[in-house]
Protein backbone atom coordinates (compact mmCIF):
# COMPACT_ATOMS: atom_id res chain seq x y z
CA MET A 1 9.75 -8.99 -23.90
CA THR A 2 8.77 -12.57 -24.62
CA PRO A 3 5.17 -13.63 -23.73
CA ALA A 4 6.36 -16.01 -21.03
CA TYR A 5 8.56 -13.33 -19.44
CA ARG A 6 5.76 -10.75 -19.63
CA LYS A 7 3.33 -13.16 -17.94
CA THR A 8 5.80 -13.93 -15.22
CA VAL A 9 6.43 -10.23 -14.49
CA LEU A 10 2.68 -9.50 -14.67
CA THR A 11 1.97 -12.28 -12.19
CA LEU A 12 4.63 -10.94 -9.87
CA HIS A 13 3.14 -7.47 -10.24
CA VAL A 14 -0.38 -8.66 -9.37
CA LEU A 15 0.82 -10.76 -6.43
CA ALA A 16 2.80 -7.87 -4.99
CA ALA A 17 -0.08 -5.49 -5.34
CA SER A 18 -2.44 -8.04 -3.71
CA ALA A 19 -0.04 -8.52 -0.79
CA TRP A 20 0.20 -4.76 -0.35
CA ILE A 21 -3.55 -4.46 -0.21
CA GLY A 22 -3.71 -7.27 2.37
CA ILE A 23 -1.12 -5.58 4.52
CA ASP A 24 -3.02 -2.32 4.35
CA VAL A 25 -6.31 -4.02 5.28
CA LEU A 26 -4.60 -5.66 8.30
CA THR A 27 -3.22 -2.37 9.43
CA ALA A 28 -6.55 -0.60 9.01
CA VAL A 29 -8.47 -3.30 10.85
CA LEU A 30 -6.06 -3.37 13.80
CA VAL A 31 -5.87 0.39 14.14
CA GLY A 32 -9.65 0.70 13.62
CA THR A 33 -10.26 -1.97 16.30
CA GLY A 34 -8.20 -0.08 18.79
CA LEU A 35 -9.76 3.25 17.78
CA LEU A 36 -13.41 2.06 17.89
CA SER A 37 -13.29 -0.31 20.82
CA GLY A 38 -14.09 2.23 23.50
CA ASP A 39 -12.25 0.05 25.99
CA GLY A 40 -8.94 1.46 27.19
CA ILE A 41 -7.55 -1.96 28.04
CA ARG A 42 -8.45 -3.37 24.60
CA THR A 43 -7.07 -0.31 22.84
CA THR A 44 -3.79 -0.57 24.69
CA ALA A 45 -3.60 -4.30 23.97
CA VAL A 46 -4.36 -3.89 20.28
CA TYR A 47 -1.83 -1.06 19.79
CA GLY A 48 0.74 -2.88 21.93
CA ALA A 49 0.34 -6.02 19.81
CA LEU A 50 0.45 -3.99 16.62
CA GLY A 51 3.60 -2.20 17.68
CA ARG A 52 5.40 -5.25 18.99
CA TYR A 53 4.36 -8.03 16.64
CA VAL A 54 3.03 -6.47 13.42
CA LEU A 55 4.94 -3.21 12.87
CA VAL A 56 8.32 -4.49 11.79
CA PRO A 57 7.06 -7.46 9.66
CA ALA A 58 4.23 -5.32 8.15
CA LEU A 59 6.59 -2.43 7.41
CA ALA A 60 9.14 -4.74 5.80
CA ALA A 61 6.51 -6.63 3.86
CA ALA A 62 4.75 -3.45 2.74
CA VAL A 63 8.02 -1.88 1.62
CA VAL A 64 8.97 -5.05 -0.28
CA ALA A 65 5.51 -5.43 -1.81
CA GLY A 66 5.54 -1.76 -2.85
CA LEU A 67 9.00 -1.91 -4.33
CA VAL A 68 8.29 -5.20 -6.15
CA SER A 69 5.05 -3.68 -7.52
CA LEU A 70 7.01 -0.60 -8.59
CA ALA A 71 9.87 -2.52 -10.20
CA SER A 72 7.60 -4.97 -11.94
CA GLY A 73 5.37 -2.12 -13.13
CA VAL A 74 8.40 -0.31 -14.57
CA LEU A 75 9.49 -3.48 -16.33
CA LEU A 76 5.96 -4.03 -17.74
CA GLY A 77 5.79 -0.36 -18.80
CA MET A 78 9.12 -0.52 -20.59
CA GLY A 79 8.60 -3.94 -22.12
CA THR A 80 5.00 -3.68 -23.43
CA LYS A 81 3.00 -1.46 -25.70
CA TRP A 82 1.64 0.47 -22.75
CA GLY A 83 4.91 2.22 -22.02
CA LEU A 84 5.72 3.82 -18.71
CA LEU A 85 4.31 7.31 -19.43
CA ARG A 86 2.58 6.68 -22.78
CA TYR A 87 -0.97 6.18 -21.36
CA TRP A 88 -2.61 8.18 -18.59
CA TRP A 89 -3.72 5.13 -16.59
CA VAL A 90 -0.15 3.81 -16.46
CA ALA A 91 1.30 7.20 -15.55
CA VAL A 92 -1.29 7.60 -12.70
CA LYS A 93 -0.57 4.08 -11.44
CA PHE A 94 3.19 4.83 -11.47
CA GLY A 95 2.65 8.06 -9.53
CA LEU A 96 0.40 6.35 -6.99
CA ASN A 97 2.94 3.57 -6.52
CA VAL A 98 5.77 5.98 -5.83
CA VAL A 99 3.65 8.09 -3.40
CA LEU A 100 2.36 5.01 -1.56
CA CYS A 101 5.84 3.48 -1.23
CA VAL A 102 6.91 6.61 0.67
CA ALA A 103 3.62 6.68 2.58
CA VAL A 104 4.06 3.13 3.91
CA VAL A 105 6.78 4.38 6.26
CA VAL A 106 4.77 7.44 7.26
CA ILE A 107 1.68 5.31 7.96
CA LEU A 108 3.36 2.82 10.24
CA ILE A 109 5.74 5.04 12.24
CA PRO A 110 2.94 6.40 14.58
CA VAL A 111 1.98 2.83 15.49
CA GLY A 112 5.48 2.27 16.90
CA GLN A 113 5.26 5.52 18.79
CA ILE A 114 1.92 4.51 20.31
CA ALA A 115 3.21 1.06 21.23
CA SER A 116 6.31 2.58 22.87
CA GLY A 117 4.18 5.10 24.80
CA GLU A 118 5.56 8.13 22.94
CA ARG A 119 2.00 8.95 21.72
CA GLY A 120 -1.40 8.20 23.20
CA PRO A 121 -4.00 5.94 21.58
CA GLY A 122 -6.09 9.07 20.88
CA ASP A 123 -3.45 10.15 18.37
CA VAL A 124 -4.31 7.33 15.95
CA MET A 125 -7.21 8.83 14.06
CA PRO A 126 -4.89 10.30 11.39
CA LEU A 127 -3.24 6.87 11.13
CA PHE A 128 -6.56 5.19 10.54
CA THR A 129 -7.55 7.85 7.99
CA ILE A 130 -4.25 7.48 6.10
CA ALA A 131 -4.59 3.68 6.07
CA LEU A 132 -8.08 3.93 4.60
CA ILE A 133 -6.96 6.49 2.02
CA ALA A 134 -4.09 4.19 1.03
CA LEU A 135 -6.47 1.28 0.69
CA VAL A 136 -8.75 3.29 -1.55
CA LEU A 137 -5.82 4.39 -3.73
CA LEU A 138 -4.54 0.80 -4.04
CA VAL A 139 -7.99 -0.39 -5.11
CA PHE A 140 -8.20 2.58 -7.54
CA ALA A 141 -4.90 1.44 -9.08
CA ASP A 142 -6.34 -2.03 -9.58
CA VAL A 143 -9.44 -0.58 -11.21
CA LEU A 144 -7.24 1.46 -13.56
CA SER A 145 -5.55 -1.74 -14.62
CA VAL A 146 -8.84 -3.30 -15.59
CA PHE A 147 -10.57 -0.39 -17.35
CA LYS A 148 -7.48 1.48 -18.74
CA PRO A 149 -9.22 4.90 -19.00
CA TRP A 150 -8.20 8.26 -20.42
CA GLY A 151 -6.23 7.20 -23.52
CA ARG A 152 -2.73 8.30 -24.52
CA VAL A 153 -0.70 11.07 -23.03
CA ARG A 154 -0.32 13.81 -25.62
CA ARG A 155 3.19 14.84 -26.55
């Protein structure tokens, strides 16, 4: 992999991961606002807006950001000295990325059910918890990229 190509893929990887974190923060803030407002009208309005105006674009953007992050990470892993499963920090990031790509759909489906009236606003605490856990895992993946702990995977 040439240095210019590696830098391009790395930039794409960082941008996709940053977008993914931003989408997760948006989801957590909106769900948390509805959850913590204590006002039934505000809660209904927040979840209605989230379900009607944010759900589809956020789901699409999060899926795209996750898949771009995954694909660019695989390219970087295969094209650099780090390898895809050669170092623990890369292997953990790869595993987190796969799990979180699947979780994006699981996180956002309940919002659509709440907006459509299939579930009540009181059912959103698990959604808020999952969104916060996803945010922590995404930040953890970023920290792994900076500190590169744990050394090589033994064969």
